[in-house]
N, C-alpha and C. Protein backbone atom coordinates (compact mmCIF):
# COMPACT_ATOMS: atom_id res chain seq x y z
N MET A 1 -26.66 1.91 -9.43
CA MET A 1 -25.81 3.05 -8.40
C MET A 1 -24.63 1.52 -7.64
N ASN A 2 -22.96 2.55 -8.41
CA ASN A 2 -21.96 1.12 -7.53
C ASN A 2 -21.97 0.91 -5.63
N ASN A 3 -22.17 -0.16 -5.76
CA ASN A 3 -22.29 0.29 -4.38
C ASN A 3 -20.90 0.37 -3.56
N LYS A 4 -19.45 -0.52 -4.43
CA LYS A 4 -18.21 -0.06 -4.34
C LYS A 4 -17.43 0.89 -3.53
N LYS A 5 -17.30 0.33 -2.54
CA LYS A 5 -16.15 2.06 -2.06
C LYS A 5 -15.09 2.00 -2.65
N GLN A 6 -15.32 3.22 -3.07
CA GLN A 6 -14.52 4.46 -3.37
C GLN A 6 -12.88 3.81 -3.09
N CYS A 7 -11.65 3.93 -4.02
CA CYS A 7 -10.21 3.51 -3.52
C CYS A 7 -9.88 4.95 -2.97
N SER A 8 -9.47 5.29 -2.07
CA SER A 8 -8.48 6.81 -2.40
C SER A 8 -6.90 6.80 -0.95
N PHE A 9 -6.50 7.49 -1.33
CA PHE A 9 -5.51 7.13 0.02
C PHE A 9 -5.18 9.06 1.06
N ASP A 10 -5.12 8.88 2.15
CA ASP A 10 -4.44 9.30 2.94
C ASP A 10 -3.34 9.45 2.63
N VAL A 11 -2.09 10.65 3.53
CA VAL A 11 -0.60 10.58 3.95
C VAL A 11 -0.96 11.60 5.24
N GLU A 12 0.59 10.32 5.32
CA GLU A 12 1.25 11.24 7.04
C GLU A 12 2.61 11.08 6.63
N ARG A 13 2.95 12.43 7.02
CA ARG A 13 5.06 12.38 6.34
C ARG A 13 5.63 12.49 8.12
N ARG A 14 7.06 11.10 7.98
CA ARG A 14 7.26 11.62 9.28
C ARG A 14 8.98 11.63 8.93
N GLY A 15 9.63 12.29 9.35
CA GLY A 15 10.90 12.52 8.94
C GLY A 15 11.66 11.69 8.22
N GLY A 16 11.32 11.75 6.62
CA GLY A 16 11.87 10.60 5.81
C GLY A 16 11.42 9.42 5.77
N GLU A 17 9.78 8.77 6.69
CA GLU A 17 9.09 8.24 6.04
C GLU A 17 7.62 8.84 5.34
N VAL A 18 6.86 8.03 4.20
CA VAL A 18 6.01 8.16 4.15
C VAL A 18 4.82 7.83 3.94
N GLU A 19 3.84 7.68 4.78
CA GLU A 19 2.66 6.93 5.12
C GLU A 19 1.37 7.13 4.70
N LEU A 20 1.05 5.35 3.42
CA LEU A 20 -0.29 5.93 2.56
C LEU A 20 -1.50 4.96 3.42
N ILE A 21 -1.69 5.90 3.21
CA ILE A 21 -3.09 5.44 4.24
C ILE A 21 -4.23 4.95 2.59
N LEU A 22 -4.15 3.74 2.79
CA LEU A 22 -5.27 3.22 2.05
C LEU A 22 -6.62 3.34 2.15
N HIS A 23 -7.82 3.45 1.57
CA HIS A 23 -9.68 3.11 1.88
C HIS A 23 -10.38 2.69 1.10
N GLY A 24 -10.88 1.73 0.94
CA GLY A 24 -12.16 1.29 0.62
C GLY A 24 -11.01 -0.34 -0.08
N GLU A 25 -11.42 -0.67 -1.57
CA GLU A 25 -11.34 -1.34 -1.86
C GLU A 25 -10.33 -0.99 -3.17
N ILE A 26 -9.08 -2.22 -3.44
CA ILE A 26 -8.69 -1.97 -4.48
C ILE A 26 -8.61 -2.77 -5.70
N ASP A 27 -9.15 -2.63 -6.76
CA ASP A 27 -9.43 -3.71 -7.96
C ASP A 27 -9.46 -2.14 -9.46
N HIS A 28 -9.57 -3.56 -9.92
CA HIS A 28 -8.82 -2.55 -11.33
C HIS A 28 -9.78 -1.43 -11.96
N HIS A 29 -10.51 -0.60 -11.16
CA HIS A 29 -11.42 0.59 -11.15
C HIS A 29 -10.44 1.43 -10.65
N CYS A 30 -9.92 1.44 -9.99
CA CYS A 30 -9.20 2.48 -9.08
C CYS A 30 -7.75 2.49 -8.97
N ALA A 31 -6.97 0.66 -9.94
CA ALA A 31 -5.88 0.53 -9.34
C ALA A 31 -4.74 1.96 -9.85
N VAL A 32 -5.44 1.80 -11.38
CA VAL A 32 -4.79 3.03 -12.37
C VAL A 32 -4.68 4.52 -11.51
N ARG A 33 -5.71 4.95 -10.86
CA ARG A 33 -5.53 6.29 -10.35
C ARG A 33 -4.95 5.82 -8.90
N VAL A 34 -4.64 5.60 -8.42
CA VAL A 34 -4.30 5.51 -7.12
C VAL A 34 -2.58 5.63 -7.41
N ARG A 35 -1.95 4.61 -8.43
CA ARG A 35 -0.94 4.17 -8.56
C ARG A 35 -0.14 5.19 -9.25
N THR A 36 -0.96 6.58 -10.14
CA THR A 36 -0.34 7.06 -10.28
C THR A 36 -0.24 8.27 -9.75
N ASP A 37 -1.40 8.53 -8.73
CA ASP A 37 -0.74 9.25 -7.59
C ASP A 37 0.51 8.71 -6.80
N MET A 38 0.23 8.16 -6.22
CA MET A 38 0.99 7.62 -5.49
C MET A 38 2.27 7.79 -5.94
N ASP A 39 2.69 7.37 -7.40
CA ASP A 39 4.36 7.81 -8.02
C ASP A 39 4.52 9.31 -7.65
N ARG A 40 3.42 9.64 -8.20
CA ARG A 40 4.05 11.05 -8.32
C ARG A 40 4.60 12.23 -7.17
N LEU A 41 3.21 10.96 -5.74
CA LEU A 41 3.98 12.08 -4.51
C LEU A 41 5.29 11.00 -4.46
N LEU A 42 5.85 9.88 -4.45
CA LEU A 42 7.11 9.29 -3.81
C LEU A 42 8.35 9.37 -5.34
N LEU A 43 7.52 10.01 -6.40
CA LEU A 43 8.30 10.56 -6.96
C LEU A 43 9.39 11.82 -6.80
N GLU A 44 8.23 12.76 -6.80
CA GLU A 44 8.66 13.78 -5.87
C GLU A 44 9.68 13.85 -4.39
N GLU A 45 8.74 13.20 -3.70
CA GLU A 45 9.80 13.51 -2.17
C GLU A 45 10.77 12.39 -2.16
N HIS A 46 10.76 11.58 -2.70
CA HIS A 46 11.71 10.30 -2.61
C HIS A 46 12.03 10.49 -1.20
N PRO A 47 11.43 9.44 -0.62
CA PRO A 47 10.92 9.03 0.72
C PRO A 47 12.24 8.02 1.01
N ARG A 48 12.31 7.58 2.02
CA ARG A 48 13.34 6.40 2.45
C ARG A 48 12.88 5.03 2.19
N LYS A 49 11.46 5.37 3.53
CA LYS A 49 10.33 4.43 3.54
C LYS A 49 9.60 4.80 3.35
N ALA A 50 8.86 4.14 2.24
CA ALA A 50 6.95 4.17 2.19
C ALA A 50 6.59 2.88 2.95
N ILE A 51 5.50 3.28 4.08
CA ILE A 51 4.30 2.36 4.58
C ILE A 51 2.65 2.27 3.69
N LEU A 52 2.89 0.99 3.20
CA LEU A 52 1.42 1.12 2.24
C LEU A 52 0.34 0.75 4.16
N ASP A 53 -0.54 1.21 4.03
CA ASP A 53 -0.93 0.83 5.33
C ASP A 53 -2.65 0.42 4.99
N LEU A 54 -2.74 -0.94 5.07
CA LEU A 54 -3.96 -1.63 4.52
C LEU A 54 -5.00 -1.81 5.50
N SER A 55 -5.34 -1.04 6.55
CA SER A 55 -5.49 -1.57 7.36
C SER A 55 -7.11 -0.91 7.22
N HIS A 56 -7.05 0.34 6.44
CA HIS A 56 -8.68 0.13 6.38
C HIS A 56 -8.94 -0.11 4.78
N ILE A 57 -8.61 -1.99 4.35
CA ILE A 57 -8.68 -1.91 3.09
C ILE A 57 -9.66 -3.65 3.00
N ASP A 58 -11.21 -3.96 2.55
CA ASP A 58 -11.63 -4.76 2.83
C ASP A 58 -11.43 -5.99 1.77
N PHE A 59 -10.74 -5.40 0.64
CA PHE A 59 -10.81 -6.47 -0.86
C PHE A 59 -9.65 -5.92 -1.13
N MET A 60 -9.43 -6.23 -2.12
CA MET A 60 -7.94 -6.37 -2.65
C MET A 60 -8.43 -7.84 -4.05
N ASP A 61 -8.32 -7.02 -5.32
CA ASP A 61 -7.83 -7.98 -6.47
C ASP A 61 -6.72 -8.38 -6.51
N SER A 62 -5.65 -9.17 -8.08
CA SER A 62 -4.79 -8.92 -8.70
C SER A 62 -4.09 -7.37 -9.35
N SER A 63 -5.49 -5.91 -8.88
CA SER A 63 -4.46 -5.23 -9.36
C SER A 63 -3.75 -4.96 -8.48
N GLY A 64 -4.98 -4.99 -6.98
CA GLY A 64 -3.74 -4.31 -5.31
C GLY A 64 -2.39 -5.21 -5.84
N LEU A 65 -2.47 -6.61 -5.77
CA LEU A 65 -0.62 -7.24 -5.93
C LEU A 65 -0.16 -6.10 -7.17
N GLY A 66 -0.47 -5.95 -7.95
CA GLY A 66 0.27 -4.61 -8.70
C GLY A 66 0.58 -3.61 -8.09
N LEU A 67 -0.33 -2.95 -7.54
CA LEU A 67 -0.06 -2.26 -7.26
C LEU A 67 1.04 -1.90 -6.12
N ILE A 68 1.07 -2.97 -5.42
CA ILE A 68 1.89 -3.22 -4.68
C ILE A 68 3.09 -2.93 -4.79
N MET A 69 3.02 -4.44 -5.94
CA MET A 69 4.36 -4.34 -5.96
C MET A 69 5.31 -3.78 -7.59
N GLY A 70 4.36 -2.47 -7.98
CA GLY A 70 4.91 -1.73 -8.13
C GLY A 70 5.54 -0.39 -7.75
N ARG A 71 5.10 -0.79 -6.79
CA ARG A 71 5.27 0.93 -5.53
C ARG A 71 6.61 0.38 -4.83
N TYR A 72 6.22 -1.46 -4.46
CA TYR A 72 8.40 -1.83 -4.35
C TYR A 72 9.22 -1.63 -5.25
N ALA A 73 8.91 -2.20 -6.84
CA ALA A 73 10.32 -2.08 -7.61
C ALA A 73 10.57 0.07 -7.56
N LEU A 74 9.29 1.41 -7.58
CA LEU A 74 9.77 2.03 -7.29
C LEU A 74 10.78 2.29 -6.63
N MET A 75 9.73 2.21 -4.85
CA MET A 75 10.78 2.45 -3.83
C MET A 75 12.24 1.92 -3.78
N GLN A 76 12.60 0.75 -4.71
CA GLN A 76 13.94 0.18 -4.94
C GLN A 76 14.80 0.68 -5.33
N ARG A 77 13.89 1.64 -6.45
CA ARG A 77 14.42 2.07 -8.10
C ARG A 77 14.79 3.47 -7.10
N LEU A 78 14.83 4.09 -6.05
CA LEU A 78 14.58 5.54 -5.39
C LEU A 78 15.25 4.95 -4.19
N GLY A 79 15.86 3.40 -3.84
CA GLY A 79 16.52 3.71 -3.30
C GLY A 79 16.50 3.55 -1.46
N GLY A 80 15.02 2.94 -1.70
CA GLY A 80 14.49 3.45 -0.36
C GLY A 80 14.22 2.24 -0.31
N GLU A 81 12.79 1.87 0.88
CA GLU A 81 12.76 0.71 1.13
C GLU A 81 10.64 0.87 1.15
N LEU A 82 10.41 -0.11 0.94
CA LEU A 82 8.17 -0.65 0.79
C LEU A 82 7.78 -1.76 1.88
N THR A 83 7.77 -0.89 3.28
CA THR A 83 6.81 -1.76 4.41
C THR A 83 5.04 -1.58 3.93
N LEU A 84 4.33 -3.20 3.89
CA LEU A 84 3.08 -2.72 4.01
C LEU A 84 2.35 -2.89 5.58
N ARG A 85 1.53 -2.76 6.31
CA ARG A 85 0.82 -2.68 7.36
C ARG A 85 -0.23 -2.65 7.89
N ASN A 86 -0.63 -3.65 8.61
CA ASN A 86 -2.08 -4.33 9.11
C ASN A 86 -2.17 -4.74 7.83
N PRO A 87 -2.58 -5.10 7.02
CA PRO A 87 -3.42 -6.06 5.86
C PRO A 87 -3.96 -6.58 7.28
N ASN A 88 -5.24 -7.08 5.48
CA ASN A 88 -6.20 -8.57 6.90
C ASN A 88 -6.07 -9.87 6.92
N PRO A 89 -6.04 -10.47 7.07
CA PRO A 89 -5.34 -11.67 6.70
C PRO A 89 -5.19 -12.44 5.39
N ARG A 90 -6.74 -12.08 4.14
CA ARG A 90 -6.82 -12.43 3.62
C ARG A 90 -5.54 -12.15 2.58
N ILE A 91 -5.85 -10.53 2.83
CA ILE A 91 -4.81 -10.23 1.89
C ILE A 91 -3.17 -10.78 2.24
N VAL A 92 -2.70 -11.36 3.34
CA VAL A 92 -2.01 -12.29 3.83
C VAL A 92 -1.39 -12.88 3.60
N LYS A 93 -2.80 -14.15 2.80
CA LYS A 93 -3.05 -14.91 2.20
C LYS A 93 -2.22 -15.18 0.83
N ILE A 94 -3.18 -13.89 0.19
CA ILE A 94 -2.93 -14.12 -0.87
C ILE A 94 -1.58 -13.17 -1.68
N PHE A 95 -1.14 -12.90 -0.45
CA PHE A 95 -0.02 -11.76 -1.41
C PHE A 95 1.43 -13.63 -0.52
N GLU A 96 0.92 -13.90 0.17
CA GLU A 96 1.81 -14.90 0.67
C GLU A 96 2.19 -15.55 -0.53
N LEU A 97 0.64 -16.50 -1.23
CA LEU A 97 0.46 -17.88 -2.26
C LEU A 97 1.04 -17.24 -3.87
N ALA A 98 0.97 -15.52 -4.08
CA ALA A 98 1.83 -15.30 -5.14
C ALA A 98 3.66 -14.83 -5.03
N GLY A 99 3.17 -15.81 -3.69
CA GLY A 99 5.46 -15.36 -3.33
C GLY A 99 5.66 -14.43 -2.94
N LEU A 100 5.13 -13.20 -2.76
CA LEU A 100 5.64 -11.51 -2.51
C LEU A 100 6.11 -12.19 -1.51
N GLY A 101 5.69 -12.26 -0.13
CA GLY A 101 5.88 -12.50 1.19
C GLY A 101 7.19 -12.55 1.35
N ARG A 102 8.26 -12.56 0.84
CA ARG A 102 9.40 -13.16 0.99
C ARG A 102 9.95 -11.58 0.62
N MET A 103 9.30 -10.33 -0.29
CA MET A 103 10.27 -9.73 -0.64
C MET A 103 9.61 -8.11 0.34
N VAL A 104 8.29 -8.34 0.14
CA VAL A 104 8.17 -6.77 1.05
C VAL A 104 8.04 -6.93 2.63
N LYS A 105 8.26 -6.72 3.20
CA LYS A 105 8.18 -5.87 4.66
C LYS A 105 6.56 -6.21 5.26
N ILE A 106 6.29 -6.90 5.80
CA ILE A 106 5.20 -6.50 6.56
C ILE A 106 5.09 -6.52 7.98
N GLU A 107 3.87 -5.57 8.80
CA GLU A 107 4.43 -5.62 10.37
C GLU A 107 3.32 -4.79 10.35
N GLU A 108 2.97 -4.61 11.70
CA GLU A 108 1.25 -4.29 12.58
C GLU A 108 1.48 -3.07 13.16
N SER A 109 0.90 -2.04 12.82
CA SER A 109 1.54 -1.05 14.02
C SER A 109 0.88 -0.98 15.13
N PRO A 110 1.52 -1.07 16.57
CA PRO A 110 1.92 -1.19 17.33
C PRO A 110 0.31 -0.37 18.10
N LYS A 111 -0.51 -1.26 19.33
CA LYS A 111 -1.78 -1.31 19.65
C LYS A 111 -2.17 0.25 19.58
N GLU A 112 -1.10 0.79 20.52
CA GLU A 112 -1.64 2.23 20.77
C GLU A 112 -1.92 3.21 19.51
N GLU A 113 -0.83 2.80 18.95
CA GLU A 113 -1.94 3.87 17.19
C GLU A 113 -2.76 3.06 16.94
N GLN A 114 -2.80 2.22 17.06
CA GLN A 114 -4.68 1.18 16.25
C GLN A 114 -6.04 2.01 16.64
N ALA A 115 -5.46 2.31 18.66
CA ALA A 115 -6.88 2.49 18.84
C ALA A 115 -7.70 4.46 18.61
């Protein structure tokens, strides 16, 4: 039996923005499926801003970095922007060590949204 949390995402839309709320663990086992589903949605909707909410992600390996950077590149091609929301401190550290913190904006939700 596999104890890993299956990764998935939910979608919220707010006027030109698409928020992709990720759940579980982002590793090489799930990155391809999640990437394919995200790309399909972004290509169909062409949002001006895509937000990857990472508040429910406990673990992310290099496949997760690739997932994020690929969506960053896609949003650039679509003329939009990508923002990460609520990554845990471990993910922020990995992101910054890889030199990606200068490229993708990282933000936290207002406290009333997190409650």
